[in-house]
Amino acid sequence: ATGRRVVVLAGSGHMLYNLGLNFRAWQKSRQPFSTIIGLQVAENSKVKVSRGLANYLYGVKQKPYPTYPEVSLNLKKVEGLTNLVVAANPTEPLAREAGFQKGDVILSLNGKETSEINDLRMTLAGFKWGDEVKIKVLRNAEMVILTLKLDPEILKKKEKS
């Protein structure tokens, strides 16, 4: 396979110490490889790392919040019900600020009905920081509209508390 290259993009935990996906690919191909890992570094700080982590480490400036909003909701399916149910009161700030409660039955997101966890994830993945999502839930036999604000300032409040 002269002139060909394979690039594997994966989370660093799957590549560290050349023992993850990169090593498995090498076992199959016996082709030379290098591992490059991005490492977040807080501004004005130094980080000591083991040279065995990877062939190359690339330091990037630490972001004050994730690139994409993450709504951490513990969801479950209940037998006889097609909709998703919130399994526990949220502990993460975005879902908590929206007012989700254990037992809420999720009916729709911005008017789009959803009953599968992957569909919910894909719908939420379409939103970005600054967006607001109207989520219709059934709570104690009443329809409630929650507003999920994808605001990074909400995450900053968590860090301060």
Protein backbone atom coordinates (compact mmCIF):
# COMPACT_ATOMS: atom_id res chain seq x y z
CA ALA A 1 0.00 0.00 0.00
CA THR A 2 2.63 2.50 -1.07
CA GLY A 3 1.68 6.15 -0.69
CA ARG A 4 -1.41 5.44 1.37
CA ARG A 5 -2.15 6.72 4.84
CA VAL A 6 -4.78 5.86 7.37
CA VAL A 7 -5.87 8.52 9.84
CA VAL A 8 -7.76 7.45 12.94
CA LEU A 9 -9.58 10.17 14.86
CA ALA A 10 -10.62 9.14 18.33
CA GLY A 11 -10.78 10.46 21.85
CA SER A 12 -7.37 10.56 23.50
CA GLY A 13 -8.35 7.85 25.97
CA HIS A 14 -8.53 5.44 23.04
CA MET A 15 -5.01 6.29 21.89
CA LEU A 16 -2.83 6.89 24.97
CA TYR A 17 0.48 5.06 25.39
CA ASN A 18 0.04 3.50 21.92
CA LEU A 19 -2.15 0.81 23.48
CA GLY A 20 -5.55 1.63 21.98
CA LEU A 21 -7.03 1.78 18.51
CA ASN A 22 -3.71 2.80 17.02
CA PHE A 23 -1.99 -0.32 18.35
CA ARG A 24 -4.80 -2.56 17.15
CA ALA A 25 -4.54 -1.05 13.66
CA TRP A 26 -0.79 -1.65 13.74
CA GLN A 27 -1.31 -5.29 14.77
CA LYS A 28 -3.40 -5.84 11.65
CA SER A 29 -1.29 -3.86 9.18
CA ARG A 30 2.24 -3.80 10.65
CA GLN A 31 2.59 -0.36 9.06
CA PRO A 32 4.47 2.41 10.90
CA PHE A 33 2.31 4.89 12.80
CA SER A 34 2.48 7.99 14.94
CA THR A 35 0.08 9.09 17.63
CA ILE A 36 -0.83 12.75 18.03
CA ILE A 37 -2.87 13.84 21.04
CA GLY A 38 -4.37 17.26 21.68
CA LEU A 39 -4.09 18.43 25.26
CA GLN A 40 -6.00 21.35 26.76
CA VAL A 41 -3.76 23.68 28.72
CA ALA A 42 -5.05 26.49 30.92
CA GLU A 43 -3.72 29.92 30.02
CA ASN A 44 -0.43 30.90 31.71
CA SER A 45 0.18 27.40 33.03
CA LYS A 46 2.68 24.64 32.43
CA VAL A 47 1.81 20.99 32.17
CA LYS A 48 4.19 18.10 32.75
CA VAL A 49 3.37 15.00 30.76
CA SER A 50 4.93 11.60 30.28
CA ARG A 51 6.77 11.25 26.99
CA GLY A 52 5.14 7.83 26.66
CA LEU A 53 1.65 9.30 26.18
CA ALA A 54 2.05 9.73 22.43
CA ASN A 55 4.58 10.50 19.72
CA TYR A 56 3.37 14.09 19.59
CA LEU A 57 1.37 16.19 22.04
CA TYR A 58 -0.34 19.29 20.76
CA GLY A 59 -1.26 21.86 23.39
CA VAL A 60 -4.42 23.83 22.77
CA LYS A 61 -5.86 26.67 24.82
CA GLN A 62 -8.42 25.46 27.31
CA LYS A 63 -11.94 26.59 26.49
CA PRO A 64 -14.15 28.05 29.20
CA TYR A 65 -16.95 25.69 28.11
CA PRO A 66 -17.39 22.73 25.74
CA THR A 67 -17.48 23.35 21.99
CA TYR A 68 -21.02 22.01 21.81
CA PRO A 69 -23.73 22.15 24.46
CA GLU A 70 -24.22 18.94 26.42
CA VAL A 71 -27.56 18.36 28.07
CA SER A 72 -27.02 15.70 30.71
CA LEU A 73 -30.34 14.00 31.31
CA ASN A 74 -30.72 10.53 32.74
CA LEU A 75 -33.49 9.03 30.59
CA LYS A 76 -35.25 5.71 30.56
CA LYS A 77 -37.92 3.82 28.64
CA VAL A 78 -40.93 2.54 30.54
CA GLU A 79 -42.80 -0.56 29.42
CA GLY A 80 -46.08 0.34 27.74
CA LEU A 81 -45.00 3.96 27.11
CA THR A 82 -43.41 5.09 23.86
CA ASN A 83 -42.02 8.36 25.23
CA LEU A 84 -38.80 8.89 27.17
CA VAL A 85 -38.98 9.50 30.91
CA VAL A 86 -36.54 11.53 33.00
CA ALA A 87 -35.11 8.90 35.38
CA ALA A 88 -33.52 11.24 37.96
CA ASN A 89 -33.49 14.90 38.89
CA PRO A 90 -30.73 16.50 36.82
CA THR A 91 -27.48 17.43 38.51
CA GLU A 92 -25.91 19.21 35.53
CA PRO A 93 -26.67 22.92 35.16
CA LEU A 94 -28.33 23.18 31.73
CA ALA A 95 -31.00 20.55 32.41
CA ARG A 96 -31.42 21.66 36.03
CA GLU A 97 -31.93 25.32 35.04
CA ALA A 98 -34.54 24.25 32.47
CA GLY A 99 -36.55 22.72 35.32
CA PHE A 100 -36.55 19.04 34.41
CA GLN A 101 -37.79 16.76 37.18
CA LYS A 102 -37.66 13.04 37.78
CA GLY A 103 -40.69 11.46 36.17
CA ASP A 104 -41.16 14.06 33.41
CA VAL A 105 -42.38 12.39 30.22
CA ILE A 106 -40.76 14.06 27.20
CA LEU A 107 -43.28 14.68 24.45
CA SER A 108 -41.52 17.01 22.00
CA LEU A 109 -38.56 19.32 21.35
CA ASN A 110 -39.45 22.53 19.50
CA GLY A 111 -42.62 20.82 18.30
CA LYS A 112 -40.84 17.68 17.05
CA GLU A 113 -42.13 14.54 18.73
CA THR A 114 -39.46 12.20 19.97
CA SER A 115 -39.61 8.78 21.57
CA GLU A 116 -36.14 7.32 21.00
CA ILE A 117 -33.01 8.31 22.91
CA ASN A 118 -30.89 8.49 19.74
CA ASP A 119 -33.49 10.70 18.03
CA LEU A 120 -33.46 13.01 21.05
CA ARG A 121 -29.65 13.14 20.98
CA MET A 122 -29.58 13.88 17.25
CA THR A 123 -32.19 16.63 17.61
CA LEU A 124 -30.27 18.23 20.49
CA ALA A 125 -27.01 17.95 18.51
CA GLY A 126 -28.52 20.33 15.96
CA PHE A 127 -28.55 23.19 18.45
CA LYS A 128 -25.66 25.47 19.34
CA TRP A 129 -24.70 27.79 22.17
CA GLY A 130 -27.18 30.65 22.41
CA ASP A 131 -30.16 28.61 21.21
CA GLU A 132 -33.28 28.00 23.27
CA VAL A 133 -35.22 24.76 22.99
CA LYS A 134 -38.88 24.47 23.98
CA ILE A 135 -39.49 21.04 25.46
CA LYS A 136 -43.00 19.81 26.10
CA VAL A 137 -43.25 17.37 29.00
CA LEU A 138 -46.06 15.64 30.80
CA ARG A 139 -45.70 16.17 34.55
CA ASN A 140 -48.23 14.94 37.09
CA ALA A 141 -50.91 14.67 34.38
CA GLU A 142 -50.32 18.25 33.20
CA MET A 143 -48.62 19.58 30.08
CA VAL A 144 -45.59 21.74 30.93
CA ILE A 145 -43.36 23.67 28.51
CA LEU A 146 -39.73 23.89 29.64
CA THR A 147 -37.22 26.27 28.10
CA LEU A 148 -33.76 24.77 27.77
CA LYS A 149 -31.35 27.69 27.43
CA LEU A 150 -28.08 26.66 25.85
CA ASP A 151 -26.17 29.44 27.57
CA PRO A 152 -22.52 28.92 28.54
CA GLU A 153 -22.98 31.41 31.40
CA ILE A 154 -25.11 28.76 33.13
CA LEU A 155 -22.06 26.46 33.14
CA LYS A 156 -19.90 29.22 34.61
CA LYS A 157 -22.37 29.56 37.50
CA LYS A 158 -21.79 25.88 38.31
CA GLU A 159 -18.03 26.41 38.49
CA LYS A 160 -18.45 29.26 40.99
CA SER A 161 -20.75 27.32 43.31
